[in-house]
Amino acid sequence: MSYTYPVSKPWLGDREQQLVSAAIASGWISSQGPEIKRFEAAFAEYNGVSHGVACSSGTAALTVALAALGVGPGDEVIVPEFTMIASAWAVNYVGATPVFVDCGDDLNIDVTKIEARMTPRTAVIMPVHVYGRRCDMDAVMELAYDYNVRVVEDSAESHGVRPVGDIACFSLFANKIITAGEGGICLTNEPRLAAQMAHLRAMAFTRDHSFLHKKVAYNFRMTNLQAALASAQLERIDEILSRRRVIEKIYDAALAGISGVTLMPPRDVLWMYDVRVERRSQLQAYLAENGVETRLFFKPMSRQPMYFDAGWPALNAATFSEDGLYLPTYPELTEADQEIIVGHIRDFYAG
């Protein structure tokens, strides 16, 4: 279905065209071109971190982060119940076990419930900054210190939230705040970890490239074309974040007081504008008929077939998953567009 107002779309311009075209003209189109190192360095600097390691996706970034930390079979990783399933899958990909913790009312992991889920096998805590809301990282880092475990931040949805964990992993998918089309990047202040992640993402070649591989690794490399696009996007990130803040404020004001709509807590950066609504399926169908695309909230990990736990309906994450959705959120959305979208919502509940 084609929508007048899609839930997301990238904001691309002349600079993106310029850098991608230059990469094509240079002949460096695979994973060895200069744009990769340029993007890694610039993104790390923007976030106040020493090292960046670009990957083929956000999921790949999480996977190499865990692998570089030596996480594997027999280990457990604390993962939020309310997240995109890729957070948990990355744990499985390295042979470890995800252990789920319910969310609070801001949708982020409930830090007061983490400690009770930790065991001697816990190796990593993986907080997720859901929809651009920063987790209580002070509490997470204190727990990590007390129990001597590592922290891998899933920052897929939160470009602009400065990382503090051992490794932070960002997605650069087309619907993210900045994009490479597909892609991801790991950030760390530890040079040995950065080197190991770069080694693992690139098939663990030896320095002499002899085709003797000493460990199982991955082909999770970013291409120079993707890095060129990401570099251009990064040059505009403050403009993109600023525009998104305006969109959030317009939605906040326009949706306030509509019976049937419950606003969610403010976001540190706006990835997607999320709300809770009554008669969600009917509202979603009505908006679709009027050219407005929406998406449902994540489902609890314990509801997923591969992680199924019959107790999932009692979770806070389950409550939110039943009535939450997010609205079109992209920088080129105008105030007039938002008025039309909110007008359809107002008409639905008035009718």
C-alpha atoms as a PDB file:
ATOM      1  CA  MET A   1       0.000   0.000   0.000  1.00  0.00           C
ATOM      2  CA  SER A   2       1.202   3.491  -0.839  1.00  0.00           C
ATOM      3  CA  TYR A   3       0.839   6.123   1.886  1.00  0.00           C
ATOM      4  CA  THR A   4       0.702   9.900   1.632  1.00  0.00           C
ATOM      5  CA  TYR A   5       2.343   9.977   5.055  1.00  0.00           C
ATOM      6  CA  PRO A   6       4.662   6.968   5.507  1.00  0.00           C
ATOM      7  CA  VAL A   7       5.757   6.140   9.017  1.00  0.00           C
ATOM      8  CA  SER A   8       9.343   7.005   8.102  1.00  0.00           C
ATOM      9  CA  LYS A   9      11.554   8.047   5.226  1.00  0.00           C
ATOM     10  CA  PRO A  10      15.155   9.221   4.983  1.00  0.00           C
ATOM     11  CA  TRP A  11      16.014  12.879   4.458  1.00  0.00           C
ATOM     12  CA  LEU A  12      18.505  12.849   1.598  1.00  0.00           C
ATOM     13  CA  GLY A  13      19.940  15.806  -0.285  1.00  0.00           C
ATOM     14  CA  ASP A  14      22.697  17.077  -2.529  1.00  0.00           C
ATOM     15  CA  ARG A  15      25.504  16.274  -0.096  1.00  0.00           C
ATOM     16  CA  GLU A  16      24.501  12.615   0.053  1.00  0.00           C
ATOM     17  CA  GLN A  17      24.433  12.512  -3.747  1.00  0.00           C
ATOM     18  CA  GLN A  18      27.831  14.209  -3.909  1.00  0.00           C
ATOM     19  CA  LEU A  19      29.639  11.838  -1.543  1.00  0.00           C
ATOM     20  CA  VAL A  20      28.089   8.653  -2.920  1.00  0.00           C
ATOM     21  CA  SER A  21      28.875   9.748  -6.487  1.00  0.00           C
ATOM     22  CA  ALA A  22      32.451  10.516  -5.465  1.00  0.00           C
ATOM     23  CA  ALA A  23      32.778   7.048  -3.959  1.00  0.00           C
ATOM     24  CA  ILE A  24      31.518   5.486  -7.184  1.00  0.00           C
ATOM     25  CA  ALA A  25      33.883   7.605  -9.271  1.00  0.00           C
ATOM     26  CA  SER A  26      36.833   6.582  -7.099  1.00  0.00           C
ATOM     27  CA  GLY A  27      36.209   2.906  -7.767  1.00  0.00           C
ATOM     28  CA  TRP A  28      36.197   2.163  -4.025  1.00  0.00           C
ATOM     29  CA  ILE A  29      32.755   0.615  -3.705  1.00  0.00           C
ATOM     30  CA  SER A  30      33.389  -2.330  -1.353  1.00  0.00           C
ATOM     31  CA  SER A  31      34.656  -2.430   2.227  1.00  0.00           C
ATOM     32  CA  GLN A  32      38.169  -1.027   1.679  1.00  0.00           C
ATOM     33  CA  GLY A  33      37.400   2.574   0.728  1.00  0.00           C
ATOM     34  CA  PRO A  34      38.438   5.714   2.637  1.00  0.00           C
ATOM     35  CA  GLU A  35      34.892   6.811   3.540  1.00  0.00           C
ATOM     36  CA  ILE A  36      34.618   3.966   6.044  1.00  0.00           C
ATOM     37  CA  LYS A  37      37.468   5.182   8.227  1.00  0.00           C
ATOM     38  CA  ARG A  38      36.290   8.767   7.817  1.00  0.00           C
ATOM     39  CA  PHE A  39      32.796   7.898   8.999  1.00  0.00           C
ATOM     40  CA  GLU A  40      34.055   5.748  11.869  1.00  0.00           C
ATOM     41  CA  ALA A  41      36.300   8.545  13.138  1.00  0.00           C
ATOM     42  CA  ALA A  42      33.685  11.284  12.703  1.00  0.00           C
ATOM     43  CA  PHE A  43      30.873   9.336  14.362  1.00  0.00           C
ATOM     44  CA  ALA A  44      33.112   8.424  17.289  1.00  0.00           C
ATOM     45  CA  GLU A  45      34.189  12.056  17.692  1.00  0.00           C
ATOM     46  CA  TYR A  46      30.582  13.273  17.542  1.00  0.00           C
ATOM     47  CA  ASN A  47      29.717  10.935  20.404  1.00  0.00           C
ATOM     48  CA  GLY A  48      32.803  11.749  22.466  1.00  0.00           C
ATOM     49  CA  VAL A  49      34.178   8.213  22.073  1.00  0.00           C
ATOM     50  CA  SER A  50      37.618   7.119  20.877  1.00  0.00           C
ATOM     51  CA  HIS A  51      36.884   4.365  18.352  1.00  0.00           C
ATOM     52  CA  GLY A  52      34.212   3.479  15.800  1.00  0.00           C
ATOM     53  CA  VAL A  53      33.813   0.162  13.979  1.00  0.00           C
ATOM     54  CA  ALA A  54      31.339   0.246  11.086  1.00  0.00           C
ATOM     55  CA  CYS A  55      29.321  -2.883  10.296  1.00  0.00           C
ATOM     56  CA  SER A  56      26.742  -4.111   7.819  1.00  0.00           C
ATOM     57  CA  SER A  57      23.762  -3.623  10.179  1.00  0.00           C
ATOM     58  CA  GLY A  58      22.802  -2.748  13.727  1.00  0.00           C
ATOM     59  CA  THR A  59      22.269  -6.436  14.441  1.00  0.00           C
ATOM     60  CA  ALA A  60      25.747  -7.188  13.123  1.00  0.00           C
ATOM     61  CA  ALA A  61      27.117  -4.464  15.400  1.00  0.00           C
ATOM     62  CA  LEU A  62      25.518  -6.063  18.470  1.00  0.00           C
ATOM     63  CA  THR A  63      26.802  -9.480  17.435  1.00  0.00           C
ATOM     64  CA  VAL A  64      30.432  -8.440  16.957  1.00  0.00           C
ATOM     65  CA  ALA A  65      30.279  -6.414  20.179  1.00  0.00           C
ATOM     66  CA  LEU A  66      29.251  -9.479  22.171  1.00  0.00           C
ATOM     67  CA  ALA A  67      31.747 -11.696  20.344  1.00  0.00           C
ATOM     68  CA  ALA A  68      34.600  -9.247  20.990  1.00  0.00           C
ATOM     69  CA  LEU A  69      33.776  -9.364  24.692  1.00  0.00           C
ATOM     70  CA  GLY A  70      34.134 -13.142  24.593  1.00  0.00           C
ATOM     71  CA  VAL A  71      30.445 -13.811  25.232  1.00  0.00           C
ATOM     72  CA  GLY A  72      29.438 -17.308  24.178  1.00  0.00           C
ATOM     73  CA  PRO A  73      27.839 -20.597  25.209  1.00  0.00           C
ATOM     74  CA  GLY A  74      27.125 -20.770  28.928  1.00  0.00           C
ATOM     75  CA  ASP A  75      26.897 -16.991  29.277  1.00  0.00           C
ATOM     76  CA  GLU A  76      23.754 -14.957  29.894  1.00  0.00           C
ATOM     77  CA  VAL A  77      22.941 -11.464  28.669  1.00  0.00           C
ATOM     78  CA  ILE A  78      20.310  -9.242  30.298  1.00  0.00           C
ATOM     79  CA  VAL A  79      17.967  -7.987  27.550  1.00  0.00           C
ATOM     80  CA  PRO A  80      14.789  -5.887  27.814  1.00  0.00           C
ATOM     81  CA  GLU A  81      11.407  -7.533  27.275  1.00  0.00           C
ATOM     82  CA  PHE A  82      10.354  -4.469  25.265  1.00  0.00           C
ATOM     83  CA  THR A  83      12.720  -4.185  22.311  1.00  0.00           C
ATOM     84  CA  MET A  84      13.186  -5.076  18.685  1.00  0.00           C
ATOM     85  CA  ILE A  85      13.851  -8.810  18.500  1.00  0.00           C
ATOM     86  CA  ALA A  86      17.297  -8.253  16.974  1.00  0.00           C
ATOM     87  CA  SER A  87      18.590  -7.337  20.449  1.00  0.00           C
ATOM     88  CA  ALA A  88      17.871 -10.872  21.650  1.00  0.00           C
ATOM     89  CA  TRP A  89      18.887 -12.563  18.411  1.00  0.00           C
ATOM     90  CA  ALA A  90      22.395 -11.109  18.627  1.00  0.00           C
ATOM     91  CA  VAL A  91      22.785 -12.933  21.940  1.00  0.00           C
ATOM     92  CA  ASN A  92      21.730 -16.198  20.312  1.00  0.00           C
ATOM     93  CA  TYR A  93      24.072 -15.627  17.382  1.00  0.00           C
ATOM     94  CA  VAL A  94      27.093 -15.840  19.713  1.00  0.00           C
ATOM     95  CA  GLY A  95      25.668 -18.916  21.468  1.00  0.00           C
ATOM     96  CA  ALA A  96      24.692 -17.173  24.717  1.00  0.00           C
ATOM     97  CA  THR A  97      21.275 -17.014  26.415  1.00  0.00           C
ATOM     98  CA  PRO A  98      19.130 -13.858  26.627  1.00  0.00           C
ATOM     99  CA  VAL A  99      17.519 -13.253  30.022  1.00  0.00           C
ATOM    100  CA  PHE A 100      14.617 -10.836  29.837  1.00  0.00           C
ATOM    101  CA  VAL A 101      13.669  -7.975  32.158  1.00  0.00           C
ATOM    102  CA  ASP A 102      10.346  -6.139  31.985  1.00  0.00           C
ATOM    103  CA  CYS A 103      10.015  -2.468  31.051  1.00  0.00           C
ATOM    104  CA  GLY A 104       8.979   0.526  33.085  1.00  0.00           C
ATOM    105  CA  ASP A 105       6.339   3.039  32.050  1.00  0.00           C
ATOM    106  CA  ASP A 106       8.848   4.792  29.770  1.00  0.00           C
ATOM    107  CA  LEU A 107       9.233   1.498  27.817  1.00  0.00           C
ATOM    108  CA  ASN A 108      12.907   1.193  28.807  1.00  0.00           C
ATOM    109  CA  ILE A 109      14.227  -1.702  30.865  1.00  0.00           C
ATOM    110  CA  ASP A 110      13.132  -1.417  34.506  1.00  0.00           C
ATOM    111  CA  VAL A 111      16.512  -1.044  36.180  1.00  0.00           C
ATOM    112  CA  THR A 112      15.028  -1.963  39.573  1.00  0.00           C
ATOM    113  CA  LYS A 113      14.325  -5.474  38.236  1.00  0.00           C
ATOM    114  CA  ILE A 114      17.697  -6.222  36.651  1.00  0.00           C
ATOM    115  CA  GLU A 115      19.561  -7.413  39.729  1.00  0.00           C
ATOM    116  CA  ALA A 116      16.983 -10.103  40.515  1.00  0.00           C
ATOM    117  CA  ARG A 117      17.532 -11.609  37.053  1.00  0.00           C
ATOM    118  CA  MET A 118      21.312 -11.719  37.292  1.00  0.00           C
ATOM    119  CA  THR A 119      23.162 -14.968  37.985  1.00  0.00           C
ATOM    120  CA  PRO A 120      26.810 -16.051  38.149  1.00  0.00           C
ATOM    121  CA  ARG A 121      26.523 -16.656  34.397  1.00  0.00           C
ATOM    122  CA  THR A 122      25.553 -13.036  33.588  1.00  0.00           C
ATOM    123  CA  ALA A 123      28.239 -11.580  31.330  1.00  0.00           C
ATOM    124  CA  VAL A 124      26.579  -8.482  29.851  1.00  0.00           C
ATOM    125  CA  ILE A 125      23.719  -6.077  30.479  1.00  0.00           C
ATOM    126  CA  MET A 126      22.196  -4.797  27.228  1.00  0.00           C
ATOM    127  CA  PRO A 127      20.005  -1.713  27.819  1.00  0.00           C
ATOM    128  CA  VAL A 128      18.048  -0.336  24.854  1.00  0.00           C
ATOM    129  CA  HIS A 129      17.194   3.361  24.510  1.00  0.00           C
ATOM    130  CA  VAL A 130      13.682   2.677  23.219  1.00  0.00           C
ATOM    131  CA  TYR A 131      12.258   5.135  20.665  1.00  0.00           C
ATOM    132  CA  GLY A 132      14.975   7.632  21.671  1.00  0.00           C
ATOM    133  CA  ARG A 133      14.439   7.626  25.465  1.00  0.00           C
ATOM    134  CA  ARG A 134      17.691   7.280  27.369  1.00  0.00           C
ATOM    135  CA  CYS A 135      17.800   4.456  29.868  1.00  0.00           C
ATOM    136  CA  ASP A 136      18.851   5.084  33.458  1.00  0.00           C
ATOM    137  CA  MET A 137      22.464   4.397  32.584  1.00  0.00           C
ATOM    138  CA  ASP A 138      23.778   5.477  35.998  1.00  0.00           C
ATOM    139  CA  ALA A 139      21.895   2.575  37.582  1.00  0.00           C
ATOM    140  CA  VAL A 140      22.970   0.170  34.825  1.00  0.00           C
ATOM    141  CA  MET A 141      26.632   1.123  35.136  1.00  0.00           C
ATOM    142  CA  GLU A 142      26.523   0.804  38.926  1.00  0.00           C
ATOM    143  CA  LEU A 143      25.148  -2.729  38.635  1.00  0.00           C
ATOM    144  CA  ALA A 144      27.785  -3.573  36.051  1.00  0.00           C
ATOM    145  CA  TYR A 145      30.488  -2.348  38.428  1.00  0.00           C
ATOM    146  CA  ASP A 146      29.064  -4.213  41.436  1.00  0.00           C
ATOM    147  CA  TYR A 147      28.888  -7.512  39.547  1.00  0.00           C
ATOM    148  CA  ASN A 148      31.890  -6.972  37.250  1.00  0.00           C
ATOM    149  CA  VAL A 149      29.931  -7.442  34.029  1.00  0.00           C
ATOM    150  CA  ARG A 150      30.073  -5.537  30.765  1.00  0.00           C
ATOM    151  CA  VAL A 151      27.516  -3.151  29.254  1.00  0.00           C
ATOM    152  CA  VAL A 152      26.579  -3.174  25.571  1.00  0.00           C
ATOM    153  CA  GLU A 153      24.169  -0.341  24.786  1.00  0.00           C
ATOM    154  CA  ASP A 154      21.681  -0.996  22.010  1.00  0.00           C
ATOM    155  CA  SER A 155      21.553   2.546  20.675  1.00  0.00           C
ATOM    156  CA  ALA A 156      19.870   1.627  17.391  1.00  0.00           C
ATOM    157  CA  GLU A 157      17.081   4.159  17.933  1.00  0.00           C
ATOM    158  CA  SER A 158      18.973   6.888  19.736  1.00  0.00           C
ATOM    159  CA  HIS A 159      21.529   8.759  17.636  1.00  0.00           C
ATOM    160  CA  GLY A 160      22.339  11.813  19.718  1.00  0.00           C
ATOM    161  CA  VAL A 161      22.179  10.017  23.067  1.00  0.00           C
ATOM    162  CA  ARG A 162      25.809   9.912  24.136  1.00  0.00           C
ATOM    163  CA  PRO A 163      26.967   6.409  25.098  1.00  0.00           C
ATOM    164  CA  VAL A 164      28.573   5.454  28.411  1.00  0.00           C
ATOM    165  CA  GLY A 165      28.719   1.641  28.198  1.00  0.00           C
ATOM    166  CA  ASP A 166      31.698  -0.498  27.250  1.00  0.00           C
ATOM    167  CA  ILE A 167      30.332  -0.670  23.691  1.00  0.00           C
ATOM    168  CA  ALA A 168      27.396   1.166  22.106  1.00  0.00           C
ATOM    169  CA  CYS A 169      25.820  -0.178  18.918  1.00  0.00           C
ATOM    170  CA  PHE A 170      23.888   2.007  16.492  1.00  0.00           C
ATOM    171  CA  SER A 171      21.723   1.044  13.518  1.00  0.00           C
ATOM    172  CA  LEU A 172      21.932   2.947  10.231  1.00  0.00           C
ATOM    173  CA  PHE A 173      18.875   1.372   8.607  1.00  0.00           C
ATOM    174  CA  ALA A 174      16.796   3.598   6.328  1.00  0.00           C
ATOM    175  CA  ASN A 175      14.273   4.462   9.059  1.00  0.00           C
ATOM    176  CA  LYS A 176      16.854   5.539  11.643  1.00  0.00           C
ATOM    177  CA  ILE A 177      17.744   9.112  12.632  1.00  0.00           C
ATOM    178  CA  ILE A 178      20.712   9.012  10.254  1.00  0.00           C
ATOM    179  CA  THR A 179      21.112   6.277   7.688  1.00  0.00           C
ATOM    180  CA  ALA A 180      23.474   4.403   5.414  1.00  0.00           C
ATOM    181  CA  GLY A 181      20.547   2.559   3.826  1.00  0.00           C
ATOM    182  CA  GLU A 182      21.691  -0.523   5.716  1.00  0.00           C
ATOM    183  CA  GLY A 183      24.480  -0.497   8.250  1.00  0.00           C
ATOM    184  CA  GLY A 184      25.532  -0.118  11.842  1.00  0.00           C
ATOM    185  CA  ILE A 185      28.452   1.025  13.956  1.00  0.00           C
ATOM    186  CA  CYS A 186      30.008   0.076  17.300  1.00  0.00           C
ATOM    187  CA  LEU A 187      31.593   2.703  19.546  1.00  0.00           C
ATOM    188  CA  THR A 188      34.078   2.047  22.351  1.00  0.00           C
ATOM    189  CA  ASN A 189      36.851   3.771  24.256  1.00  0.00           C
ATOM    190  CA  GLU A 190      38.870   0.547  24.506  1.00  0.00           C
ATOM    191  CA  PRO A 191      41.377   0.213  21.633  1.00  0.00           C
ATOM    192  CA  ARG A 192      41.742  -3.552  22.089  1.00  0.00           C
ATOM    193  CA  LEU A 193      37.978  -4.036  21.851  1.00  0.00           C
ATOM    194  CA  ALA A 194      37.809  -1.824  18.757  1.00  0.00           C
ATOM    195  CA  ALA A 195      40.568  -3.819  17.083  1.00  0.00           C
ATOM    196  CA  GLN A 196      38.884  -7.115  17.944  1.00  0.00           C
ATOM    197  CA  MET A 197      35.510  -5.950  16.592  1.00  0.00           C
ATOM    198  CA  ALA A 198      37.141  -4.770  13.366  1.00  0.00           C
ATOM    199  CA  HIS A 199      38.920  -8.132  13.129  1.00  0.00           C
ATOM    200  CA  LEU A 200      35.745 -10.152  13.709  1.00  0.00           C
ATOM    201  CA  ARG A 201      33.558  -8.154  11.311  1.00  0.00           C
ATOM    202  CA  ALA A 202      36.069  -8.803   8.485  1.00  0.00           C
ATOM    203  CA  MET A 203      36.411 -12.597   8.592  1.00  0.00           C
ATOM    204  CA  ALA A 204      39.346 -12.551  11.045  1.00  0.00           C
ATOM    205  CA  PHE A 205      42.000 -12.399   8.354  1.00  0.00           C
ATOM    206  CA  THR A 206      45.579 -12.562   9.595  1.00  0.00           C
ATOM    207  CA  ARG A 207      47.805  -9.554   8.945  1.00  0.00           C
ATOM    208  CA  ASP A 208      49.448 -11.248   5.974  1.00  0.00           C
ATOM    209  CA  HIS A 209      46.035 -12.135   4.514  1.00  0.00           C
ATOM    210  CA  SER A 210      47.183 -15.744   4.120  1.00  0.00           C
ATOM    211  CA  PHE A 211      43.677 -17.272   4.232  1.00  0.00           C
ATOM    212  CA  LEU A 212      44.541 -19.000   7.496  1.00  0.00           C
ATOM    213  CA  HIS A 213      41.769 -18.061   9.926  1.00  0.00           C
ATOM    214  CA  LYS A 214      42.359 -18.734  13.626  1.00  0.00           C
ATOM    215  CA  LYS A 215      38.766 -18.207  14.761  1.00  0.00           C
ATOM    216  CA  VAL A 216      35.202 -18.230  13.515  1.00  0.00           C
ATOM    217  CA  ALA A 217      34.311 -14.710  12.471  1.00  0.00           C
ATOM    218  CA  TYR A 218      31.805 -12.799  10.321  1.00  0.00           C
ATOM    219  CA  ASN A 219      31.454 -10.999   7.029  1.00  0.00           C
ATOM    220  CA  PHE A 220      29.779  -7.958   8.567  1.00  0.00           C
ATOM    221  CA  ARG A 221      31.653  -5.223   6.695  1.00  0.00           C
ATOM    222  CA  MET A 222      30.196  -1.890   5.648  1.00  0.00           C
ATOM    223  CA  THR A 223      30.777  -0.780   2.063  1.00  0.00           C
ATOM    224  CA  ASN A 224      32.400   2.488   1.062  1.00  0.00           C
ATOM    225  CA  LEU A 225      29.138   3.513  -0.645  1.00  0.00           C
ATOM    226  CA  GLN A 226      27.197   3.065   2.589  1.00  0.00           C
ATOM    227  CA  ALA A 227      29.846   4.942   4.547  1.00  0.00           C
ATOM    228  CA  ALA A 228      29.713   7.838   2.077  1.00  0.00           C
ATOM    229  CA  LEU A 229      25.956   8.131   2.605  1.00  0.00           C
ATOM    230  CA  ALA A 230      26.371   7.887   6.377  1.00  0.00           C
ATOM    231  CA  SER A 231      29.103  10.546   6.363  1.00  0.00           C
ATOM    232  CA  ALA A 232      26.833  13.001   4.576  1.00  0.00           C
ATOM    233  CA  GLN A 233      24.017  12.251   7.004  1.00  0.00           C
ATOM    234  CA  LEU A 234      26.332  12.731   9.977  1.00  0.00           C
ATOM    235  CA  GLU A 235      27.264  16.206   8.714  1.00  0.00           C
ATOM    236  CA  ARG A 236      23.556  17.087   9.093  1.00  0.00           C
ATOM    237  CA  ILE A 237      22.761  15.222  12.304  1.00  0.00           C
ATOM    238  CA  ASP A 238      22.231  18.313  14.444  1.00  0.00           C
ATOM    239  CA  GLU A 239      19.835  19.730  11.850  1.00  0.00           C
ATOM    240  CA  ILE A 240      18.010  16.394  11.668  1.00  0.00           C
ATOM    241  CA  LEU A 241      17.718  16.133  15.457  1.00  0.00           C
ATOM    242  CA  SER A 242      16.530  19.735  15.700  1.00  0.00           C
ATOM    243  CA  ARG A 243      13.841  19.174  13.102  1.00  0.00           C
ATOM    244  CA  ARG A 244      12.702  16.060  14.931  1.00  0.00           C
ATOM    245  CA  ARG A 245      12.421  18.000  18.208  1.00  0.00           C
ATOM    246  CA  VAL A 246      10.053  20.409  16.468  1.00  0.00           C
ATOM    247  CA  ILE A 247       7.950  17.502  15.197  1.00  0.00           C
ATOM    248  CA  GLU A 248       7.721  16.095  18.728  1.00  0.00           C
ATOM    249  CA  LYS A 249       6.531  19.410  20.165  1.00  0.00           C
ATOM    250  CA  ILE A 250       3.905  19.833  17.451  1.00  0.00           C
ATOM    251  CA  TYR A 251       2.522  16.349  18.080  1.00  0.00           C
ATOM    252  CA  ASP A 252       2.557  16.914  21.845  1.00  0.00           C
ATOM    253  CA  ALA A 253       0.484  20.072  21.567  1.00  0.00           C
ATOM    254  CA  ALA A 254      -1.880  18.818  18.865  1.00  0.00           C
ATOM    255  CA  LEU A 255      -2.653  15.448  20.472  1.00  0.00           C
ATOM    256  CA  ALA A 256      -3.060  16.726  24.030  1.00  0.00           C
ATOM    257  CA  GLY A 257      -6.629  16.422  25.238  1.00  0.00           C
ATOM    258  CA  ILE A 258      -7.900  14.068  22.518  1.00  0.00           C
ATOM    259  CA  SER A 259     -10.039  11.476  24.260  1.00  0.00           C
ATOM    260  CA  GLY A 260      -8.712   8.030  23.432  1.00  0.00           C
ATOM    261  CA  VAL A 261      -5.064   9.111  23.081  1.00  0.00           C
ATOM    262  CA  THR A 262      -2.489   8.898  25.881  1.00  0.00           C
ATOM    263  CA  LEU A 263       0.796  10.693  25.364  1.00  0.00           C
ATOM    264  CA  MET A 264       4.053   8.961  26.262  1.00  0.00           C
ATOM    265  CA  PRO A 265       6.931  10.453  28.302  1.00  0.00           C
ATOM    266  CA  PRO A 266       9.274  12.877  26.510  1.00  0.00           C
ATOM    267  CA  ARG A 267      12.169  11.498  24.492  1.00  0.00           C
ATOM    268  CA  ASP A 268      15.810  12.523  24.730  1.00  0.00           C
ATOM    269  CA  VAL A 269      15.948  12.342  20.935  1.00  0.00           C
ATOM    270  CA  LEU A 270      12.967  11.658  18.698  1.00  0.00           C
ATOM    271  CA  TRP A 271      13.220   8.492  16.668  1.00  0.00           C
ATOM    272  CA  MET A 272       9.525   7.602  16.421  1.00  0.00           C
ATOM    273  CA  TYR A 273       6.612   9.452  17.996  1.00  0.00           C
ATOM    274  CA  ASP A 274       4.839   6.843  20.102  1.00  0.00           C
ATOM    275  CA  VAL A 275       1.394   7.045  21.702  1.00  0.00           C
ATOM    276  CA  ARG A 276      -1.091   4.740  23.407  1.00  0.00           C
ATOM    277  CA  VAL A 277      -4.558   4.646  21.888  1.00  0.00           C
ATOM    278  CA  GLU A 278      -7.965   3.119  22.415  1.00  0.00           C
ATOM    279  CA  ARG A 279      -9.419   0.859  19.692  1.00  0.00           C
ATOM    280  CA  ARG A 280      -5.985   0.625  18.153  1.00  0.00           C
ATOM    281  CA  SER A 281      -6.732  -1.741  15.267  1.00  0.00           C
ATOM    282  CA  GLN A 282      -9.716   0.335  14.146  1.00  0.00           C
ATOM    283  CA  LEU A 283      -7.727   3.572  14.389  1.00  0.00           C
ATOM    284  CA  GLN A 284      -4.852   2.063  12.436  1.00  0.00           C
ATOM    285  CA  ALA A 285      -7.214   0.915   9.680  1.00  0.00           C
ATOM    286  CA  TYR A 286      -8.929   4.327   9.586  1.00  0.00           C
ATOM    287  CA  LEU A 287      -5.617   6.159   9.306  1.00  0.00           C
ATOM    288  CA  ALA A 288      -4.444   3.789   6.573  1.00  0.00           C
ATOM    289  CA  GLU A 289      -7.618   4.527   4.595  1.00  0.00           C
ATOM    290  CA  ASN A 290      -6.675   8.195   4.844  1.00  0.00           C
ATOM    291  CA  GLY A 291      -3.092   7.709   3.683  1.00  0.00           C
ATOM    292  CA  VAL A 292      -1.428   7.658   7.115  1.00  0.00           C
ATOM    293  CA  GLU A 293       0.904   4.765   7.919  1.00  0.00           C
ATOM    294  CA  THR A 294       1.415   3.699  11.536  1.00  0.00           C
ATOM    295  CA  ARG A 295       3.321   0.889  13.234  1.00  0.00           C
ATOM    296  CA  LEU A 296       2.545  -1.150  16.327  1.00  0.00           C
ATOM    297  CA  PHE A 297       4.709  -1.286  19.426  1.00  0.00           C
ATOM    298  CA  PHE A 298       7.183  -4.114  19.922  1.00  0.00           C
ATOM    299  CA  LYS A 299       5.833  -7.349  21.354  1.00  0.00           C
ATOM    300  CA  PRO A 300       7.404  -8.772  24.540  1.00  0.00           C
ATOM    301  CA  MET A 301      10.328 -11.069  23.941  1.00  0.00           C
ATOM    302  CA  SER A 302       8.615 -13.682  26.121  1.00  0.00           C
ATOM    303  CA  ARG A 303       5.732 -13.728  23.648  1.00  0.00           C
ATOM    304  CA  GLN A 304       8.039 -14.585  20.732  1.00  0.00           C
ATOM    305  CA  PRO A 305       7.890 -18.275  19.709  1.00  0.00           C
ATOM    306  CA  MET A 306      11.606 -18.921  20.252  1.00  0.00           C
ATOM    307  CA  TYR A 307      11.526 -17.378  23.757  1.00  0.00           C
ATOM    308  CA  PHE A 308       7.966 -18.236  24.750  1.00  0.00           C
ATOM    309  CA  ASP A 309       7.002 -17.950  28.403  1.00  0.00           C
ATOM    310  CA  ALA A 310       3.361 -18.493  29.319  1.00  0.00           C
ATOM    311  CA  GLY A 311       3.577 -15.686  31.864  1.00  0.00           C
ATOM    312  CA  TRP A 312       4.045 -12.995  29.228  1.00  0.00           C
ATOM    313  CA  PRO A 313       0.499 -11.490  29.558  1.00  0.00           C
ATOM    314  CA  ALA A 314       1.345 -10.263  33.075  1.00  0.00           C
ATOM    315  CA  LEU A 315       4.259  -8.162  31.840  1.00  0.00           C
ATOM    316  CA  ASN A 316       4.189  -4.389  31.697  1.00  0.00           C
ATOM    317  CA  ALA A 317       5.630  -4.818  28.207  1.00  0.00           C
ATOM    318  CA  ALA A 318       2.520  -6.804  27.244  1.00  0.00           C
ATOM    319  CA  THR A 319       0.216  -3.988  28.346  1.00  0.00           C
ATOM    320  CA  PHE A 320       2.028  -1.456  26.176  1.00  0.00           C
ATOM    321  CA  SER A 321       2.251  -3.827  23.233  1.00  0.00           C
ATOM    322  CA  GLU A 322      -1.538  -4.106  23.139  1.00  0.00           C
ATOM    323  CA  ASP A 323      -2.414  -0.427  22.690  1.00  0.00           C
ATOM    324  CA  GLY A 324       0.693   1.397  21.477  1.00  0.00           C
ATOM    325  CA  LEU A 325       1.559   2.634  18.020  1.00  0.00           C
ATOM    326  CA  TYR A 326       3.769   5.243  16.487  1.00  0.00           C
ATOM    327  CA  LEU A 327       2.940   7.950  13.982  1.00  0.00           C
ATOM    328  CA  PRO A 328       4.767   9.241  10.885  1.00  0.00           C
ATOM    329  CA  THR A 329       8.067  10.696  12.063  1.00  0.00           C
ATOM    330  CA  TYR A 330      10.553  12.040   9.537  1.00  0.00           C
ATOM    331  CA  PRO A 331      12.289  15.403   9.073  1.00  0.00           C
ATOM    332  CA  GLU A 332      10.395  16.469   5.953  1.00  0.00           C
ATOM    333  CA  LEU A 333       7.053  16.147   7.755  1.00  0.00           C
ATOM    334  CA  THR A 334       5.598  19.663   7.874  1.00  0.00           C
ATOM    335  CA  GLU A 335       3.385  21.220  10.501  1.00  0.00           C
ATOM    336  CA  ALA A 336       0.554  21.175   7.940  1.00  0.00           C
ATOM    337  CA  ASP A 337       1.146  17.445   7.433  1.00  0.00           C
ATOM    338  CA  GLN A 338       0.958  16.881  11.179  1.00  0.00           C
ATOM    339  CA  GLU A 339      -2.254  18.881  11.409  1.00  0.00           C
ATOM    340  CA  ILE A 340      -3.804  16.602   8.791  1.00  0.00           C
ATOM    341  CA  ILE A 341      -2.617  13.455  10.577  1.00  0.00           C
ATOM    342  CA  VAL A 342      -3.860  14.639  13.957  1.00  0.00           C
ATOM    343  CA  GLY A 343      -7.090  15.824  12.345  1.00  0.00           C
ATOM    344  CA  HIS A 344      -7.785  12.277  11.179  1.00  0.00           C
ATOM    345  CA  ILE A 345      -7.141  10.992  14.702  1.00  0.00           C
ATOM    346  CA  ARG A 346      -9.450  13.635  16.168  1.00  0.00           C
ATOM    347  CA  ASP A 347     -12.144  12.789  13.608  1.00  0.00           C
ATOM    348  CA  PHE A 348     -11.887   9.068  14.398  1.00  0.00           C
ATOM    349  CA  TYR A 349     -12.508   9.554  18.105  1.00  0.00           C
ATOM    350  CA  ALA A 350     -15.140  12.245  17.566  1.00  0.00           C
ATOM    351  CA  GLY A 351     -17.020   9.945  15.206  1.00  0.00           C
END
